[in-house]
Amino acid sequence: MTPILLAIALLLFVTFSYASVCAASPFGTCRKCNGFGFAMTTDRKGRPKRGKTCRRCKGHGKRIRAGRWLYNRAAHTYRQGTR
């Protein structure tokens, strides 16, 4: 197998794997707050304490995956075009 065919096969495998992850679990943990829903800060003694609510996930700790967001946009555009 030539290197080009191997690269194409690997790229297709990664693409289909990510598509199946997006279909099975459309929400992932927020990368900014690590799924806590708030930022962790420390007090003056170095003990961890709860910080402000995460602005990215609005305190839920979950965000929609990029692949699922693209799929939702494409499906919405398709639905609007076939009315």
Protein backbone atom coordinates (compact mmCIF):
# COMPACT_ATOMS: atom_id res chain seq x y z
CA MET A 1 0.00 0.00 0.00
CA THR A 2 1.41 3.35 -0.95
CA PRO A 3 1.83 6.07 1.66
CA ILE A 4 -0.85 8.23 0.01
CA LEU A 5 -3.48 5.48 0.22
CA LEU A 6 -2.49 4.78 3.81
CA ALA A 7 -2.87 8.48 4.69
CA ILE A 8 -6.28 8.64 3.00
CA ALA A 9 -7.45 5.50 4.82
CA LEU A 10 -6.23 6.87 8.14
CA LEU A 11 -7.95 10.21 7.53
CA LEU A 12 -11.23 8.48 6.66
CA PHE A 13 -10.97 6.33 9.78
CA VAL A 14 -10.41 9.37 12.01
CA THR A 15 -13.27 11.27 10.34
CA PHE A 16 -15.77 8.43 10.74
CA SER A 17 -14.64 7.82 14.31
CA TYR A 18 -15.23 11.47 15.24
CA ALA A 19 -18.59 11.44 13.46
CA SER A 20 -19.67 8.41 15.49
CA VAL A 21 -18.54 10.09 18.73
CA CYS A 22 -20.55 13.20 17.82
CA ALA A 23 -23.62 11.08 17.06
CA ALA A 24 -23.35 9.01 20.26
CA SER A 25 -22.37 11.83 22.62
CA PRO A 26 -23.11 15.29 21.20
CA PHE A 27 -21.95 17.11 24.33
CA GLY A 28 -18.41 17.10 25.70
CA THR A 29 -16.90 18.64 28.81
CA CYS A 30 -16.07 22.32 28.68
CA ARG A 31 -12.37 22.84 28.03
CA LYS A 32 -12.18 26.07 30.00
CA CYS A 33 -13.60 24.85 33.32
CA ASN A 34 -12.91 21.09 32.85
CA GLY A 35 -16.59 20.29 33.37
CA PHE A 36 -16.90 21.97 36.78
CA GLY A 37 -19.06 24.85 35.52
CA PHE A 38 -16.94 27.38 37.38
CA ALA A 39 -13.33 28.45 37.57
CA MET A 40 -11.21 27.16 40.42
CA THR A 41 -9.30 29.82 42.33
CA THR A 42 -7.31 29.76 45.52
CA ASP A 43 -7.59 31.87 48.63
CA ARG A 44 -4.67 33.61 50.30
CA LYS A 45 -3.68 30.46 52.16
CA GLY A 46 -3.55 28.41 48.94
CA ARG A 47 -6.74 26.42 49.51
CA PRO A 48 -8.92 25.89 46.43
CA LYS A 49 -12.26 27.64 46.33
CA ARG A 50 -15.05 28.15 43.86
CA GLY A 51 -14.59 31.01 41.44
CA LYS A 52 -16.90 32.69 38.94
CA THR A 53 -19.35 30.79 36.76
CA CYS A 54 -17.83 29.75 33.43
CA ARG A 55 -18.88 32.07 30.60
CA ARG A 56 -18.31 29.47 27.90
CA CYS A 57 -20.69 26.80 29.18
CA LYS A 58 -22.79 29.13 31.36
CA GLY A 59 -22.20 26.94 34.41
CA HIS A 60 -23.36 23.64 32.91
CA GLY A 61 -19.92 22.12 32.41
CA LYS A 62 -20.93 20.74 28.99
CA ARG A 63 -20.46 22.19 25.51
CA ILE A 64 -21.71 20.99 22.15
CA ARG A 65 -18.99 19.32 20.08
CA ALA A 66 -17.78 21.10 16.94
CA GLY A 67 -18.81 18.23 14.66
CA ARG A 68 -22.30 18.12 16.13
CA TRP A 69 -22.61 21.91 15.78
CA LEU A 70 -21.70 21.65 12.09
CA TYR A 71 -24.19 18.82 11.59
CA ASN A 72 -26.96 20.83 13.29
CA ARG A 73 -26.23 23.85 11.06
CA ALA A 74 -26.23 21.72 7.90
CA ALA A 75 -29.49 19.98 8.89
CA HIS A 76 -31.12 23.34 9.67
CA THR A 77 -30.05 24.78 6.31
CA TYR A 78 -31.33 21.68 4.51
CA ARG A 79 -34.68 21.87 6.31
CA GLN A 80 -35.04 25.57 5.46
CA GLY A 81 -34.27 24.89 1.79
CA THR A 82 -36.79 22.06 1.37
CA ARG A 83 -39.85 23.78 2.82
